[in-house]
Amino acid sequence: MRRAIILLCLSMPLLGGCVARAALDAVTAPVRAAGQVADWATTSQDEADRALGRRVRERDAEIGRLERRRERAARDCAGGDADACATEQALNAQIADLASAPIAPED
């Protein structure tokens, strides 16, 4: 019995830290949760830069696809295909529109 009391007395300082830590965690949990929600809700500059770069690469890839189609149409047009000449002109207009359009930010 005496041994149990001594062990209990010796363990009290250790338990006090655990209880204090648990109380501190319980008090600061809502603040940490609010901070995490704010982090999820906002976009950092680095994330915005990566998203803009991705949109630029996608636009450049689309321009490349249109240019390859235009080159095929130009070869066919040079071979006397009137429909290919019209296609080439339409592709030229699409490429010009796409190249001159500003890159809009994502919502």
C-alpha atoms as a PDB file:
ATOM      1  CA  MET A   1       0.000   0.000   0.000  1.00  0.00           C
ATOM      2  CA  ARG A   2       2.775   2.365   0.936  1.00  0.00           C
ATOM      3  CA  ARG A   3       4.540   1.590  -2.324  1.00  0.00           C
ATOM      4  CA  ALA A   4       1.435   2.519  -4.338  1.00  0.00           C
ATOM      5  CA  ILE A   5       1.144   5.871  -2.545  1.00  0.00           C
ATOM      6  CA  ILE A   6       4.804   6.627  -3.165  1.00  0.00           C
ATOM      7  CA  LEU A   7       4.494   5.712  -6.853  1.00  0.00           C
ATOM      8  CA  LEU A   8       1.370   7.826  -7.141  1.00  0.00           C
ATOM      9  CA  CYS A   9       3.107  10.806  -5.558  1.00  0.00           C
ATOM     10  CA  LEU A  10       6.123  10.423  -7.809  1.00  0.00           C
ATOM     11  CA  SER A  11       3.962  10.200 -10.943  1.00  0.00           C
ATOM     12  CA  MET A  12       1.894  13.314 -10.167  1.00  0.00           C
ATOM     13  CA  PRO A  13       4.324  15.792 -11.785  1.00  0.00           C
ATOM     14  CA  LEU A  14       4.335  13.670 -14.930  1.00  0.00           C
ATOM     15  CA  LEU A  15       0.541  13.555 -15.104  1.00  0.00           C
ATOM     16  CA  GLY A  16       0.245  17.284 -14.543  1.00  0.00           C
ATOM     17  CA  GLY A  17       2.168  17.967 -17.765  1.00  0.00           C
ATOM     18  CA  CYS A  18      -0.063  15.646 -19.727  1.00  0.00           C
ATOM     19  CA  VAL A  19      -3.205  17.280 -18.412  1.00  0.00           C
ATOM     20  CA  ALA A  20      -1.842  20.764 -19.050  1.00  0.00           C
ATOM     21  CA  ARG A  21      -0.801  19.804 -22.578  1.00  0.00           C
ATOM     22  CA  ALA A  22      -4.221  18.319 -23.301  1.00  0.00           C
ATOM     23  CA  ALA A  23      -5.916  21.461 -22.004  1.00  0.00           C
ATOM     24  CA  LEU A  24      -3.650  23.653 -24.153  1.00  0.00           C
ATOM     25  CA  ASP A  25      -4.386  21.517 -27.220  1.00  0.00           C
ATOM     26  CA  ALA A  26      -8.119  21.777 -26.581  1.00  0.00           C
ATOM     27  CA  VAL A  27      -7.922  25.565 -26.282  1.00  0.00           C
ATOM     28  CA  THR A  28      -5.776  26.127 -29.382  1.00  0.00           C
ATOM     29  CA  ALA A  29      -7.555  23.595 -31.637  1.00  0.00           C
ATOM     30  CA  PRO A  30     -10.202  26.061 -32.943  1.00  0.00           C
ATOM     31  CA  VAL A  31      -7.527  28.612 -33.803  1.00  0.00           C
ATOM     32  CA  ARG A  32      -5.478  26.035 -35.694  1.00  0.00           C
ATOM     33  CA  ALA A  33      -8.586  24.806 -37.506  1.00  0.00           C
ATOM     34  CA  ALA A  34      -9.499  28.340 -38.575  1.00  0.00           C
ATOM     35  CA  GLY A  35      -5.970  28.887 -39.843  1.00  0.00           C
ATOM     36  CA  GLN A  36      -6.119  25.682 -41.876  1.00  0.00           C
ATOM     37  CA  VAL A  37      -9.461  26.685 -43.408  1.00  0.00           C
ATOM     38  CA  ALA A  38      -8.032  30.073 -44.358  1.00  0.00           C
ATOM     39  CA  ASP A  39      -5.042  28.352 -45.953  1.00  0.00           C
ATOM     40  CA  TRP A  40      -7.308  26.079 -47.979  1.00  0.00           C
ATOM     41  CA  ALA A  41      -9.528  28.982 -49.052  1.00  0.00           C
ATOM     42  CA  THR A  42      -6.745  31.210 -50.361  1.00  0.00           C
ATOM     43  CA  THR A  43      -4.351  30.743 -53.247  1.00  0.00           C
ATOM     44  CA  SER A  44      -0.695  31.456 -52.671  1.00  0.00           C
ATOM     45  CA  GLN A  45       1.315  33.384 -55.238  1.00  0.00           C
ATOM     46  CA  ASP A  46       3.274  30.228 -56.039  1.00  0.00           C
ATOM     47  CA  GLU A  47       0.057  28.317 -56.768  1.00  0.00           C
ATOM     48  CA  ALA A  48      -1.214  31.167 -58.928  1.00  0.00           C
ATOM     49  CA  ASP A  49       2.062  31.243 -60.876  1.00  0.00           C
ATOM     50  CA  ARG A  50       1.916  27.488 -61.484  1.00  0.00           C
ATOM     51  CA  ALA A  51      -1.694  27.744 -62.666  1.00  0.00           C
ATOM     52  CA  LEU A  52      -0.822  30.600 -65.043  1.00  0.00           C
ATOM     53  CA  GLY A  53       2.133  28.634 -66.419  1.00  0.00           C
ATOM     54  CA  ARG A  54      -0.111  25.624 -66.985  1.00  0.00           C
ATOM     55  CA  ARG A  55      -2.650  27.772 -68.904  1.00  0.00           C
ATOM     56  CA  VAL A  56       0.157  29.285 -71.031  1.00  0.00           C
ATOM     57  CA  ARG A  57       1.481  25.813 -71.878  1.00  0.00           C
ATOM     58  CA  GLU A  58      -2.022  24.607 -72.768  1.00  0.00           C
ATOM     59  CA  ARG A  59      -2.548  27.611 -75.049  1.00  0.00           C
ATOM     60  CA  ASP A  60       0.837  27.084 -76.693  1.00  0.00           C
ATOM     61  CA  ALA A  61       0.036  23.402 -77.255  1.00  0.00           C
ATOM     62  CA  GLU A  62      -3.282  24.334 -78.877  1.00  0.00           C
ATOM     63  CA  ILE A  63      -1.522  26.868 -81.131  1.00  0.00           C
ATOM     64  CA  GLY A  64       0.963  24.139 -82.101  1.00  0.00           C
ATOM     65  CA  ARG A  65      -1.855  21.755 -83.037  1.00  0.00           C
ATOM     66  CA  LEU A  66      -3.528  24.457 -85.134  1.00  0.00           C
ATOM     67  CA  GLU A  67      -0.234  25.316 -86.860  1.00  0.00           C
ATOM     68  CA  ARG A  68       0.314  21.676 -87.828  1.00  0.00           C
ATOM     69  CA  ARG A  69      -3.209  21.509 -89.256  1.00  0.00           C
ATOM     70  CA  ARG A  70      -2.576  24.786 -91.107  1.00  0.00           C
ATOM     71  CA  GLU A  71       0.647  23.423 -92.619  1.00  0.00           C
ATOM     72  CA  ARG A  72      -1.170  20.326 -93.907  1.00  0.00           C
ATOM     73  CA  ALA A  73      -3.909  22.540 -95.334  1.00  0.00           C
ATOM     74  CA  ALA A  74      -1.288  24.806 -96.963  1.00  0.00           C
ATOM     75  CA  ARG A  75       0.341  21.803 -98.681  1.00  0.00           C
ATOM     76  CA  ASP A  76      -3.053  20.629 -99.922  1.00  0.00           C
ATOM     77  CA  CYS A  77      -3.897  24.178-101.023  1.00  0.00           C
ATOM     78  CA  ALA A  78      -0.668  24.365-103.007  1.00  0.00           C
ATOM     79  CA  GLY A  79      -1.749  21.114-104.650  1.00  0.00           C
ATOM     80  CA  GLY A  80      -4.930  22.759-105.920  1.00  0.00           C
ATOM     81  CA  ASP A  81      -7.487  21.875-103.212  1.00  0.00           C
ATOM     82  CA  ALA A  82      -9.801  24.907-102.813  1.00  0.00           C
ATOM     83  CA  ASP A  83     -11.342  23.576 -99.587  1.00  0.00           C
ATOM     84  CA  ALA A  84      -7.855  23.299 -98.083  1.00  0.00           C
ATOM     85  CA  CYS A  85      -7.218  26.962 -98.953  1.00  0.00           C
ATOM     86  CA  ALA A  86     -10.352  27.989 -97.041  1.00  0.00           C
ATOM     87  CA  THR A  87      -9.332  25.767 -94.140  1.00  0.00           C
ATOM     88  CA  GLU A  88      -5.873  27.355 -94.111  1.00  0.00           C
ATOM     89  CA  GLN A  89      -7.390  30.847 -93.930  1.00  0.00           C
ATOM     90  CA  ALA A  90      -9.734  29.816 -91.102  1.00  0.00           C
ATOM     91  CA  LEU A  91      -6.849  28.247 -89.179  1.00  0.00           C
ATOM     92  CA  ASN A  92      -4.760  31.408 -89.643  1.00  0.00           C
ATOM     93  CA  ALA A  93      -7.573  33.422 -88.080  1.00  0.00           C
ATOM     94  CA  GLN A  94      -7.929  30.970 -85.170  1.00  0.00           C
ATOM     95  CA  ILE A  95      -4.199  31.050 -84.487  1.00  0.00           C
ATOM     96  CA  ALA A  96      -4.121  34.848 -84.564  1.00  0.00           C
ATOM     97  CA  ASP A  97      -7.115  35.096 -82.218  1.00  0.00           C
ATOM     98  CA  LEU A  98      -5.686  32.572 -79.790  1.00  0.00           C
ATOM     99  CA  ALA A  99      -2.208  34.152 -79.793  1.00  0.00           C
ATOM    100  CA  SER A 100      -3.535  37.662 -79.185  1.00  0.00           C
ATOM    101  CA  ALA A 101      -6.110  36.755 -76.511  1.00  0.00           C
ATOM    102  CA  PRO A 102      -5.094  37.492 -72.930  1.00  0.00           C
ATOM    103  CA  ILE A 103      -4.753  34.562 -70.588  1.00  0.00           C
ATOM    104  CA  ALA A 104      -7.639  34.832 -68.150  1.00  0.00           C
ATOM    105  CA  PRO A 105      -7.138  33.879 -64.516  1.00  0.00           C
ATOM    106  CA  GLU A 106      -9.026  30.859 -63.232  1.00  0.00           C
ATOM    107  CA  ASP A 107     -12.009  31.445 -61.003  1.00  0.00           C
END
